[in-house]
Amino acid sequence: MADHPDTLSKYCTADTALKILQSQRLRWSAPHLLGDPFELHHRTTLTFDPHSLLDAAIQTATAMIFSRDAPVGNSPLTTVVRRWRDEDRFSSQEEAEEVLRDLMARMVDKRQEAIDEMMADWRRFTRHLRIVSFSAKPDNLACWQRFADSHRGAVIRMHCGGYTNLKEPHAVEYRANRPEISSLKEQLNAVLHNEQPKVQHSFGDKFLVKPQLASTEQEWRCFHNAEHEASSRENDDSLWYDDRPFERADISAVYFGAFMPSEDKRKLWDLLKEQYADARVFQAEPAPGKYEVAFKRITRQG
């Protein structure tokens, strides 16, 4: 059973809707072009540096030495710490920190090689990543207001999954904490406990998290790897997008906003009847007595 809706709704201005339908193409953009300052992208840096990682490693290792309970595990550092505890090797935290600084510095330097490789992989990944966004349904007031020109625009409803051009939609999750490329905790565990975090395997998941404030948008995203597209070879990152084609049969319906000007309606209607005869057309209007939009089927333009 599919874990996504049968259709997704693209909210846009009337002019953009006309361009999409005329060209039979959707724009898929690199993350930094999505207009969200909280979106991770190819210029995003880690939230820590080697100095803060070293300080955290020293503090954590010192706490392991002087904690009430012996550390568990079989990493080289844990084994050494247990021996130091048995020998009462250090009389003070200051003494332990002084000894640990050289040891931790070597371990952090070694880990930094893996971090540098991870960041190079991240920059390649985000250079090639293309995203197109939708909402789950065509009656989303937040999306009508924000993305459809305050109800003057349109919604293009498209089939997804299966043999469509939107094969694998993913639902966005809404959380309090912003995702990181890799956290200090992940890298600290790698240094201290010899863990090997597979950060590269979860790069794509970083683009499926948005703030809880945006949860009303009910966003879904589709991804494309544009490694072999001409856009990925551009030095100018403002050109990292692709206008990818879709099939006419992918268009399920088009919804005219409650405030869409008559001239825009006429242009879209004429185009739909000429090139998308199977697509249903609806007019949005306020539902009586509710903060909702209702849709009335349009069968002819008059």
C-alpha atoms as a PDB file:
ATOM      1  CA  MET A   1       0.000   0.000   0.000  1.00  0.00           C
ATOM      2  CA  ALA A   2       1.338   3.456  -0.912  1.00  0.00           C
ATOM      3  CA  ASP A   3       2.401   5.623   2.024  1.00  0.00           C
ATOM      4  CA  HIS A   4       1.602   8.853   0.210  1.00  0.00           C
ATOM      5  CA  PRO A   5      -1.535  10.490  -1.248  1.00  0.00           C
ATOM      6  CA  ASP A   6      -2.669   9.684  -4.780  1.00  0.00           C
ATOM      7  CA  THR A   7      -2.284  13.342  -5.712  1.00  0.00           C
ATOM      8  CA  LEU A   8      -0.287  16.338  -4.516  1.00  0.00           C
ATOM      9  CA  SER A   9      -1.145  20.022  -4.786  1.00  0.00           C
ATOM     10  CA  LYS A  10       1.196  22.640  -6.237  1.00  0.00           C
ATOM     11  CA  TYR A  11       0.283  26.150  -5.015  1.00  0.00           C
ATOM     12  CA  CYS A  12       1.509  28.994  -7.216  1.00  0.00           C
ATOM     13  CA  THR A  13       0.690  32.388  -8.690  1.00  0.00           C
ATOM     14  CA  ALA A  14      -1.581  32.533 -11.714  1.00  0.00           C
ATOM     15  CA  ASP A  15       1.368  33.508 -13.914  1.00  0.00           C
ATOM     16  CA  THR A  16       3.451  30.592 -12.674  1.00  0.00           C
ATOM     17  CA  ALA A  17       0.549  28.184 -13.174  1.00  0.00           C
ATOM     18  CA  LEU A  18       0.263  29.367 -16.779  1.00  0.00           C
ATOM     19  CA  LYS A  19       4.024  28.876 -17.345  1.00  0.00           C
ATOM     20  CA  ILE A  20       3.962  25.388 -15.812  1.00  0.00           C
ATOM     21  CA  LEU A  21       1.034  24.269 -17.937  1.00  0.00           C
ATOM     22  CA  GLN A  22       2.298  25.907 -21.124  1.00  0.00           C
ATOM     23  CA  SER A  23       5.793  24.445 -20.831  1.00  0.00           C
ATOM     24  CA  GLN A  24       4.624  21.145 -19.314  1.00  0.00           C
ATOM     25  CA  ARG A  25       7.519  21.450 -16.882  1.00  0.00           C
ATOM     26  CA  LEU A  26       8.035  21.843 -13.133  1.00  0.00           C
ATOM     27  CA  ARG A  27      10.984  23.624 -11.567  1.00  0.00           C
ATOM     28  CA  TRP A  28      13.149  21.478  -9.292  1.00  0.00           C
ATOM     29  CA  SER A  29      15.591  23.583  -7.260  1.00  0.00           C
ATOM     30  CA  ALA A  30      18.719  23.152  -5.161  1.00  0.00           C
ATOM     31  CA  PRO A  31      18.015  23.695  -1.444  1.00  0.00           C
ATOM     32  CA  HIS A  32      19.448  27.224  -1.225  1.00  0.00           C
ATOM     33  CA  LEU A  33      16.994  28.403  -3.899  1.00  0.00           C
ATOM     34  CA  LEU A  34      13.883  27.493  -1.888  1.00  0.00           C
ATOM     35  CA  GLY A  35      13.737  30.856  -0.114  1.00  0.00           C
ATOM     36  CA  ASP A  36      13.990  29.507   3.438  1.00  0.00           C
ATOM     37  CA  PRO A  37      16.889  30.806   5.590  1.00  0.00           C
ATOM     38  CA  PHE A  38      16.652  27.700   7.787  1.00  0.00           C
ATOM     39  CA  GLU A  39      17.082  25.256   4.894  1.00  0.00           C
ATOM     40  CA  LEU A  40      20.416  23.454   4.917  1.00  0.00           C
ATOM     41  CA  HIS A  41      22.462  23.886   1.721  1.00  0.00           C
ATOM     42  CA  HIS A  42      25.925  23.619   0.173  1.00  0.00           C
ATOM     43  CA  ARG A  43      27.292  26.542   2.197  1.00  0.00           C
ATOM     44  CA  THR A  44      25.978  25.302   5.541  1.00  0.00           C
ATOM     45  CA  THR A  45      28.730  24.670   8.075  1.00  0.00           C
ATOM     46  CA  LEU A  46      28.903  22.478  11.148  1.00  0.00           C
ATOM     47  CA  THR A  47      27.743  23.938  14.448  1.00  0.00           C
ATOM     48  CA  PHE A  48      31.083  23.109  16.053  1.00  0.00           C
ATOM     49  CA  ASP A  49      34.766  23.376  15.150  1.00  0.00           C
ATOM     50  CA  PRO A  50      37.841  21.268  16.044  1.00  0.00           C
ATOM     51  CA  HIS A  51      38.498  23.370  19.163  1.00  0.00           C
ATOM     52  CA  SER A  52      35.011  22.882  20.577  1.00  0.00           C
ATOM     53  CA  LEU A  53      35.143  19.169  19.715  1.00  0.00           C
ATOM     54  CA  LEU A  54      38.474  18.881  21.547  1.00  0.00           C
ATOM     55  CA  ASP A  55      37.154  20.732  24.606  1.00  0.00           C
ATOM     56  CA  ALA A  56      34.061  18.531  24.713  1.00  0.00           C
ATOM     57  CA  ALA A  57      36.202  15.395  24.385  1.00  0.00           C
ATOM     58  CA  ILE A  58      38.455  16.452  27.281  1.00  0.00           C
ATOM     59  CA  GLN A  59      35.526  17.353  29.514  1.00  0.00           C
ATOM     60  CA  THR A  60      33.662  14.129  28.768  1.00  0.00           C
ATOM     61  CA  ALA A  61      36.732  11.929  29.261  1.00  0.00           C
ATOM     62  CA  THR A  62      37.508  13.699  32.545  1.00  0.00           C
ATOM     63  CA  ALA A  63      33.948  13.131  33.733  1.00  0.00           C
ATOM     64  CA  MET A  64      34.333   9.419  32.886  1.00  0.00           C
ATOM     65  CA  ILE A  65      37.411   9.255  35.129  1.00  0.00           C
ATOM     66  CA  PHE A  66      35.812  10.935  38.148  1.00  0.00           C
ATOM     67  CA  SER A  67      32.211   9.754  37.861  1.00  0.00           C
ATOM     68  CA  ARG A  68      30.731   7.533  40.564  1.00  0.00           C
ATOM     69  CA  ASP A  69      30.194   4.608  38.183  1.00  0.00           C
ATOM     70  CA  ALA A  70      32.827   3.080  35.943  1.00  0.00           C
ATOM     71  CA  PRO A  71      32.248   3.577  32.215  1.00  0.00           C
ATOM     72  CA  VAL A  72      30.960   0.642  30.211  1.00  0.00           C
ATOM     73  CA  GLY A  73      31.999  -0.420  26.743  1.00  0.00           C
ATOM     74  CA  ASN A  74      35.055  -1.827  25.072  1.00  0.00           C
ATOM     75  CA  SER A  75      36.469   1.127  23.174  1.00  0.00           C
ATOM     76  CA  PRO A  76      40.201   1.768  23.691  1.00  0.00           C
ATOM     77  CA  LEU A  77      39.540   4.946  25.675  1.00  0.00           C
ATOM     78  CA  THR A  78      36.965   3.300  27.945  1.00  0.00           C
ATOM     79  CA  THR A  79      39.397   0.481  28.681  1.00  0.00           C
ATOM     80  CA  VAL A  80      42.147   2.979  29.578  1.00  0.00           C
ATOM     81  CA  VAL A  81      39.795   5.039  31.755  1.00  0.00           C
ATOM     82  CA  ARG A  82      38.757   1.968  33.745  1.00  0.00           C
ATOM     83  CA  ARG A  83      42.427   1.151  34.341  1.00  0.00           C
ATOM     84  CA  TRP A  84      43.166   4.723  35.436  1.00  0.00           C
ATOM     85  CA  ARG A  85      40.244   4.576  37.847  1.00  0.00           C
ATOM     86  CA  ASP A  86      41.515   1.304  39.330  1.00  0.00           C
ATOM     87  CA  GLU A  87      44.989   2.805  39.733  1.00  0.00           C
ATOM     88  CA  ASP A  88      43.732   6.160  41.106  1.00  0.00           C
ATOM     89  CA  ARG A  89      45.903   7.642  38.387  1.00  0.00           C
ATOM     90  CA  PHE A  90      44.789  11.257  38.871  1.00  0.00           C
ATOM     91  CA  SER A  91      44.342  13.223  42.063  1.00  0.00           C
ATOM     92  CA  SER A  92      42.441  16.118  40.477  1.00  0.00           C
ATOM     93  CA  GLN A  93      40.436  16.983  37.370  1.00  0.00           C
ATOM     94  CA  GLU A  94      43.044  19.589  36.444  1.00  0.00           C
ATOM     95  CA  GLU A  95      45.753  16.942  36.370  1.00  0.00           C
ATOM     96  CA  ALA A  96      43.579  14.633  34.276  1.00  0.00           C
ATOM     97  CA  GLU A  97      42.723  17.388  31.796  1.00  0.00           C
ATOM     98  CA  GLU A  98      46.398  18.213  31.319  1.00  0.00           C
ATOM     99  CA  VAL A  99      47.228  14.599  30.462  1.00  0.00           C
ATOM    100  CA  LEU A 100      44.117  14.137  28.368  1.00  0.00           C
ATOM    101  CA  ARG A 101      44.698  17.204  26.216  1.00  0.00           C
ATOM    102  CA  ASP A 102      47.530  15.652  24.190  1.00  0.00           C
ATOM    103  CA  LEU A 103      45.735  12.323  23.876  1.00  0.00           C
ATOM    104  CA  MET A 104      42.430  13.888  22.865  1.00  0.00           C
ATOM    105  CA  ALA A 105      44.130  16.253  20.431  1.00  0.00           C
ATOM    106  CA  ARG A 106      45.571  13.297  18.520  1.00  0.00           C
ATOM    107  CA  MET A 107      42.192  11.551  18.487  1.00  0.00           C
ATOM    108  CA  VAL A 108      40.352  14.680  17.339  1.00  0.00           C
ATOM    109  CA  ASP A 109      42.932  15.304  14.587  1.00  0.00           C
ATOM    110  CA  LYS A 110      42.391  11.778  13.320  1.00  0.00           C
ATOM    111  CA  ARG A 111      38.618  12.242  13.425  1.00  0.00           C
ATOM    112  CA  GLN A 112      38.899  15.545  11.577  1.00  0.00           C
ATOM    113  CA  GLU A 113      40.007  13.678   8.459  1.00  0.00           C
ATOM    114  CA  ALA A 114      36.669  11.826   8.424  1.00  0.00           C
ATOM    115  CA  ILE A 115      34.801  15.085   9.116  1.00  0.00           C
ATOM    116  CA  ASP A 116      36.526  16.815   6.188  1.00  0.00           C
ATOM    117  CA  GLU A 117      35.582  13.904   3.926  1.00  0.00           C
ATOM    118  CA  MET A 118      31.984  14.063   5.182  1.00  0.00           C
ATOM    119  CA  MET A 119      31.753  17.789   4.421  1.00  0.00           C
ATOM    120  CA  ALA A 120      33.140  17.261   0.905  1.00  0.00           C
ATOM    121  CA  ASP A 121      30.425  14.626   0.390  1.00  0.00           C
ATOM    122  CA  TRP A 122      27.838  17.060   1.746  1.00  0.00           C
ATOM    123  CA  ARG A 123      28.830  19.775  -0.717  1.00  0.00           C
ATOM    124  CA  ARG A 124      28.604  17.314  -3.614  1.00  0.00           C
ATOM    125  CA  PHE A 125      25.239  16.021  -2.415  1.00  0.00           C
ATOM    126  CA  THR A 126      23.662  19.461  -2.080  1.00  0.00           C
ATOM    127  CA  ARG A 127      25.094  20.623  -5.407  1.00  0.00           C
ATOM    128  CA  HIS A 128      23.260  17.803  -7.173  1.00  0.00           C
ATOM    129  CA  LEU A 129      20.080  17.737  -5.054  1.00  0.00           C
ATOM    130  CA  ARG A 130      16.897  19.093  -6.639  1.00  0.00           C
ATOM    131  CA  ILE A 131      13.649  19.512  -4.720  1.00  0.00           C
ATOM    132  CA  VAL A 132      10.072  20.271  -5.727  1.00  0.00           C
ATOM    133  CA  SER A 133       7.493  20.977  -3.032  1.00  0.00           C
ATOM    134  CA  PHE A 134       3.762  20.363  -2.747  1.00  0.00           C
ATOM    135  CA  SER A 135       1.027  20.318  -0.164  1.00  0.00           C
ATOM    136  CA  ALA A 136      -1.140  17.316   0.599  1.00  0.00           C
ATOM    137  CA  LYS A 137      -4.490  18.883  -0.369  1.00  0.00           C
ATOM    138  CA  PRO A 138      -5.887  21.786  -2.402  1.00  0.00           C
ATOM    139  CA  ASP A 139      -7.877  23.336   0.470  1.00  0.00           C
ATOM    140  CA  ASN A 140      -4.943  24.458   2.620  1.00  0.00           C
ATOM    141  CA  LEU A 141      -5.580  28.058   3.708  1.00  0.00           C
ATOM    142  CA  ALA A 142      -1.981  28.668   4.780  1.00  0.00           C
ATOM    143  CA  CYS A 143      -0.725  27.645   1.334  1.00  0.00           C
ATOM    144  CA  TRP A 144      -3.369  29.634  -0.520  1.00  0.00           C
ATOM    145  CA  GLN A 145      -2.248  32.694   1.412  1.00  0.00           C
ATOM    146  CA  ARG A 146       1.519  32.213   1.222  1.00  0.00           C
ATOM    147  CA  PHE A 147       2.189  30.465  -2.069  1.00  0.00           C
ATOM    148  CA  ALA A 148      -0.854  31.249  -4.200  1.00  0.00           C
ATOM    149  CA  ASP A 149      -0.686  35.029  -4.116  1.00  0.00           C
ATOM    150  CA  SER A 150      -3.221  35.485  -1.290  1.00  0.00           C
ATOM    151  CA  HIS A 151      -5.936  33.482  -3.117  1.00  0.00           C
ATOM    152  CA  ARG A 152      -5.266  35.214  -6.458  1.00  0.00           C
ATOM    153  CA  GLY A 153      -3.234  32.263  -7.725  1.00  0.00           C
ATOM    154  CA  ALA A 154      -3.982  28.635  -8.470  1.00  0.00           C
ATOM    155  CA  VAL A 155      -3.441  25.065  -7.362  1.00  0.00           C
ATOM    156  CA  ILE A 156      -2.280  22.417  -9.822  1.00  0.00           C
ATOM    157  CA  ARG A 157      -3.176  18.981  -8.537  1.00  0.00           C
ATOM    158  CA  MET A 158      -0.915  16.232  -9.844  1.00  0.00           C
ATOM    159  CA  HIS A 159      -0.905  12.445  -9.705  1.00  0.00           C
ATOM    160  CA  CYS A 160       2.077  10.989  -7.868  1.00  0.00           C
ATOM    161  CA  GLY A 161       3.733   7.624  -7.297  1.00  0.00           C
ATOM    162  CA  GLY A 162       3.758   4.646  -9.616  1.00  0.00           C
ATOM    163  CA  TYR A 163       4.551   5.576 -13.198  1.00  0.00           C
ATOM    164  CA  THR A 164       4.195   9.342 -12.774  1.00  0.00           C
ATOM    165  CA  ASN A 165       7.043  11.848 -12.734  1.00  0.00           C
ATOM    166  CA  LEU A 166       6.572  12.241  -8.970  1.00  0.00           C
ATOM    167  CA  LYS A 167       7.462   8.675  -8.103  1.00  0.00           C
ATOM    168  CA  GLU A 168       8.492   8.872  -4.442  1.00  0.00           C
ATOM    169  CA  PRO A 169       6.979  11.764  -2.491  1.00  0.00           C
ATOM    170  CA  HIS A 170       8.130  12.201   1.101  1.00  0.00           C
ATOM    171  CA  ALA A 171       6.175  13.883   3.874  1.00  0.00           C
ATOM    172  CA  VAL A 172       7.923  16.703   5.732  1.00  0.00           C
ATOM    173  CA  GLU A 173       8.130  16.355   9.514  1.00  0.00           C
ATOM    174  CA  TYR A 174       7.750  19.344  11.811  1.00  0.00           C
ATOM    175  CA  ARG A 175      10.024  19.552  14.841  1.00  0.00           C
ATOM    176  CA  ALA A 176      11.298  22.040  17.388  1.00  0.00           C
ATOM    177  CA  ASN A 177      14.979  21.442  16.606  1.00  0.00           C
ATOM    178  CA  ARG A 178      16.628  22.311  13.323  1.00  0.00           C
ATOM    179  CA  PRO A 179      18.576  19.456  11.683  1.00  0.00           C
ATOM    180  CA  GLU A 180      22.370  19.541  11.516  1.00  0.00           C
ATOM    181  CA  ILE A 181      24.689  18.010   8.954  1.00  0.00           C
ATOM    182  CA  SER A 182      26.230  16.164  11.890  1.00  0.00           C
ATOM    183  CA  SER A 183      25.967  16.962  15.577  1.00  0.00           C
ATOM    184  CA  LEU A 184      28.703  17.498  18.130  1.00  0.00           C
ATOM    185  CA  LYS A 185      27.353  14.487  20.003  1.00  0.00           C
ATOM    186  CA  GLU A 186      27.747  12.234  16.931  1.00  0.00           C
ATOM    187  CA  GLN A 187      31.323  13.255  16.399  1.00  0.00           C
ATOM    188  CA  LEU A 188      32.147  13.165  20.101  1.00  0.00           C
ATOM    189  CA  ASN A 189      30.951   9.556  20.275  1.00  0.00           C
ATOM    190  CA  ALA A 190      33.136   8.780  17.276  1.00  0.00           C
ATOM    191  CA  VAL A 191      36.172  10.243  19.035  1.00  0.00           C
ATOM    192  CA  LEU A 192      35.573   8.738  22.476  1.00  0.00           C
ATOM    193  CA  HIS A 193      33.859   5.444  21.730  1.00  0.00           C
ATOM    194  CA  ASN A 194      35.207   4.608  18.297  1.00  0.00           C
ATOM    195  CA  GLU A 195      31.714   4.777  16.790  1.00  0.00           C
ATOM    196  CA  GLN A 196      31.427   5.205  13.028  1.00  0.00           C
ATOM    197  CA  PRO A 197      28.364   7.388  12.315  1.00  0.00           C
ATOM    198  CA  LYS A 198      27.000   6.906   8.801  1.00  0.00           C
ATOM    199  CA  VAL A 199      26.124  10.562   8.383  1.00  0.00           C
ATOM    200  CA  GLN A 200      26.203  10.425   4.576  1.00  0.00           C
ATOM    201  CA  HIS A 201      23.385   7.858   4.608  1.00  0.00           C
ATOM    202  CA  SER A 202      21.033  10.379   6.212  1.00  0.00           C
ATOM    203  CA  PHE A 203      21.837  13.482   4.144  1.00  0.00           C
ATOM    204  CA  GLY A 204      18.456  13.307   2.387  1.00  0.00           C
ATOM    205  CA  ASP A 205      16.577  13.151   5.702  1.00  0.00           C
ATOM    206  CA  LYS A 206      17.880  16.624   6.583  1.00  0.00           C
ATOM    207  CA  PHE A 207      15.542  18.034   3.930  1.00  0.00           C
ATOM    208  CA  LEU A 208      12.427  16.464   5.426  1.00  0.00           C
ATOM    209  CA  VAL A 209      12.386  18.523   8.625  1.00  0.00           C
ATOM    210  CA  LYS A 210      10.905  21.996   9.043  1.00  0.00           C
ATOM    211  CA  PRO A 211       9.875  24.112  12.063  1.00  0.00           C
ATOM    212  CA  GLN A 212       6.639  23.344  13.882  1.00  0.00           C
ATOM    213  CA  LEU A 213       5.340  26.794  12.935  1.00  0.00           C
ATOM    214  CA  ALA A 214       5.081  25.598   9.305  1.00  0.00           C
ATOM    215  CA  SER A 215       3.115  22.436  10.096  1.00  0.00           C
ATOM    216  CA  THR A 216      -0.111  23.863   8.650  1.00  0.00           C
ATOM    217  CA  GLU A 217       1.460  23.654   5.175  1.00  0.00           C
ATOM    218  CA  GLN A 218       1.380  19.813   5.211  1.00  0.00           C
ATOM    219  CA  GLU A 219       4.314  19.799   2.825  1.00  0.00           C
ATOM    220  CA  TRP A 220       5.447  16.885   0.684  1.00  0.00           C
ATOM    221  CA  ARG A 221       8.694  16.850  -1.260  1.00  0.00           C
ATOM    222  CA  CYS A 222      10.082  14.985  -4.235  1.00  0.00           C
ATOM    223  CA  PHE A 223      13.827  14.673  -4.849  1.00  0.00           C
ATOM    224  CA  HIS A 224      15.975  14.291  -7.942  1.00  0.00           C
ATOM    225  CA  ASN A 225      19.720  13.714  -8.284  1.00  0.00           C
ATOM    226  CA  ALA A 226      20.910  16.134 -10.964  1.00  0.00           C
ATOM    227  CA  GLU A 227      24.509  14.900 -11.011  1.00  0.00           C
ATOM    228  CA  HIS A 228      24.368  14.376 -14.771  1.00  0.00           C
ATOM    229  CA  GLU A 229      22.351  17.523 -15.522  1.00  0.00           C
ATOM    230  CA  ALA A 230      23.987  20.591 -17.034  1.00  0.00           C
ATOM    231  CA  SER A 231      22.869  22.691 -14.064  1.00  0.00           C
ATOM    232  CA  SER A 232      25.195  20.803 -11.706  1.00  0.00           C
ATOM    233  CA  ARG A 233      28.182  21.890 -13.779  1.00  0.00           C
ATOM    234  CA  GLU A 234      27.340  25.574 -13.395  1.00  0.00           C
ATOM    235  CA  ASN A 235      29.718  27.625 -11.244  1.00  0.00           C
ATOM    236  CA  ASP A 236      26.935  30.111 -10.561  1.00  0.00           C
ATOM    237  CA  ASP A 237      24.829  28.455  -7.861  1.00  0.00           C
ATOM    238  CA  SER A 238      21.816  30.611  -8.757  1.00  0.00           C
ATOM    239  CA  LEU A 239      21.512  28.328 -11.816  1.00  0.00           C
ATOM    240  CA  TRP A 240      21.283  25.101  -9.844  1.00  0.00           C
ATOM    241  CA  TYR A 241      17.744  24.214 -10.921  1.00  0.00           C
ATOM    242  CA  ASP A 242      16.103  22.099 -13.598  1.00  0.00           C
ATOM    243  CA  ASP A 243      12.755  22.513 -15.328  1.00  0.00           C
ATOM    244  CA  ARG A 244      11.770  18.873 -15.615  1.00  0.00           C
ATOM    245  CA  PRO A 245       8.917  17.686 -17.884  1.00  0.00           C
ATOM    246  CA  PHE A 246       5.787  15.885 -16.775  1.00  0.00           C
ATOM    247  CA  GLU A 247       3.040  14.106 -18.694  1.00  0.00           C
ATOM    248  CA  ARG A 248      -0.226  15.880 -19.437  1.00  0.00           C
ATOM    249  CA  ALA A 249      -2.040  12.941 -17.868  1.00  0.00           C
ATOM    250  CA  ASP A 250      -0.270  13.756 -14.569  1.00  0.00           C
ATOM    251  CA  ILE A 251      -2.534  16.794 -14.148  1.00  0.00           C
ATOM    252  CA  SER A 252      -5.616  15.744 -12.186  1.00  0.00           C
ATOM    253  CA  ALA A 253      -7.245  19.137 -11.596  1.00  0.00           C
ATOM    254  CA  VAL A 254      -6.636  22.871 -11.459  1.00  0.00           C
ATOM    255  CA  TYR A 255      -8.205  25.183  -8.861  1.00  0.00           C
ATOM    256  CA  PHE A 256      -8.697  28.897  -9.433  1.00  0.00           C
ATOM    257  CA  GLY A 257      -8.193  31.061  -6.340  1.00  0.00           C
ATOM    258  CA  ALA A 258     -11.122  32.899  -4.808  1.00  0.00           C
ATOM    259  CA  PHE A 259      -9.620  36.249  -5.842  1.00  0.00           C
ATOM    260  CA  MET A 260      -8.084  35.225  -9.175  1.00  0.00           C
ATOM    261  CA  PRO A 261      -8.606  38.012 -11.738  1.00  0.00           C
ATOM    262  CA  SER A 262     -10.969  37.219 -14.615  1.00  0.00           C
ATOM    263  CA  GLU A 263      -8.258  37.661 -17.236  1.00  0.00           C
ATOM    264  CA  ASP A 264      -6.063  35.049 -15.541  1.00  0.00           C
ATOM    265  CA  LYS A 265      -9.008  32.668 -15.347  1.00  0.00           C
ATOM    266  CA  ARG A 266      -9.680  33.064 -19.039  1.00  0.00           C
ATOM    267  CA  LYS A 267      -6.050  32.375 -20.017  1.00  0.00           C
ATOM    268  CA  LEU A 268      -5.840  29.284 -17.824  1.00  0.00           C
ATOM    269  CA  TRP A 269      -9.240  27.990 -18.925  1.00  0.00           C
ATOM    270  CA  ASP A 270      -8.376  28.333 -22.619  1.00  0.00           C
ATOM    271  CA  LEU A 271      -5.059  26.546 -22.105  1.00  0.00           C
ATOM    272  CA  LEU A 272      -6.597  23.748 -20.041  1.00  0.00           C
ATOM    273  CA  LYS A 273      -9.342  23.068 -22.561  1.00  0.00           C
ATOM    274  CA  GLU A 274      -6.821  23.003 -25.402  1.00  0.00           C
ATOM    275  CA  GLN A 275      -4.042  20.917 -23.829  1.00  0.00           C
ATOM    276  CA  TYR A 276      -5.440  19.300 -20.656  1.00  0.00           C
ATOM    277  CA  ALA A 277      -8.970  18.342 -21.607  1.00  0.00           C
ATOM    278  CA  ASP A 278      -9.095  15.545 -19.022  1.00  0.00           C
ATOM    279  CA  ALA A 279      -8.178  17.798 -16.114  1.00  0.00           C
ATOM    280  CA  ARG A 280     -11.058  18.988 -13.969  1.00  0.00           C
ATOM    281  CA  VAL A 281     -11.315  22.699 -13.210  1.00  0.00           C
ATOM    282  CA  PHE A 282     -12.666  24.188  -9.977  1.00  0.00           C
ATOM    283  CA  GLN A 283     -13.361  27.630  -8.565  1.00  0.00           C
ATOM    284  CA  ALA A 284     -12.418  28.196  -4.918  1.00  0.00           C
ATOM    285  CA  GLU A 285     -14.741  30.234  -2.728  1.00  0.00           C
ATOM    286  CA  PRO A 286     -15.195  30.792   1.014  1.00  0.00           C
ATOM    287  CA  ALA A 287     -17.331  28.122   2.659  1.00  0.00           C
ATOM    288  CA  PRO A 288     -20.423  29.623   4.340  1.00  0.00           C
ATOM    289  CA  GLY A 289     -19.919  30.159   8.074  1.00  0.00           C
ATOM    290  CA  LYS A 290     -16.449  28.560   8.135  1.00  0.00           C
ATOM    291  CA  TYR A 291     -12.804  29.483   7.733  1.00  0.00           C
ATOM    292  CA  GLU A 292     -12.504  27.011   4.880  1.00  0.00           C
ATOM    293  CA  VAL A 293     -12.514  27.068   1.103  1.00  0.00           C
ATOM    294  CA  ALA A 294     -15.041  25.121  -0.920  1.00  0.00           C
ATOM    295  CA  PHE A 295     -14.715  24.214  -4.605  1.00  0.00           C
ATOM    296  CA  LYS A 296     -17.267  24.491  -7.364  1.00  0.00           C
ATOM    297  CA  ARG A 297     -16.718  22.519 -10.560  1.00  0.00           C
ATOM    298  CA  ILE A 298     -16.396  24.692 -13.678  1.00  0.00           C
ATOM    299  CA  THR A 299     -17.619  23.085 -16.866  1.00  0.00           C
ATOM    300  CA  ARG A 300     -17.588  26.122 -19.096  1.00  0.00           C
ATOM    301  CA  GLN A 301     -16.142  29.607 -19.021  1.00  0.00           C
ATOM    302  CA  GLY A 302     -18.756  32.280 -19.202  1.00  0.00           C
END
